[in-house]
Amino acid sequence: MTTQKPPFRADHVGSLLRPAALRHAFKQFDRGEIDAAQFRAVQDDSIRAVVRLQEEVGLQSITDGEFRRVSYWAHFVEKV
């Protein structure tokens, strides 16, 4: 089987779309319904899945999708 390159280049920067389970875990953690270890386990599972997806589609640059960040702007606002 030969791998064909697409006629275009595709990369991503920053956050990837979060799976429903991860979005739900963020809410549960905020409400105190799950502890830090449970929250971390959901993040870890989601990151493994998104890394696998990026590998499968052949991206050259693979990230964790910023799945541990609350939002793309929160870190900046916290430091201001």
Foldseek 3Di string as FASTA:
>chain_A
DDDDDDPDDDDDDAADDFDPQLVVLVVCVVVVNDDPVVNVVSLVVRQVVQQVVCVVVPHPDGDSRVSVDPDPCVVVVVVD
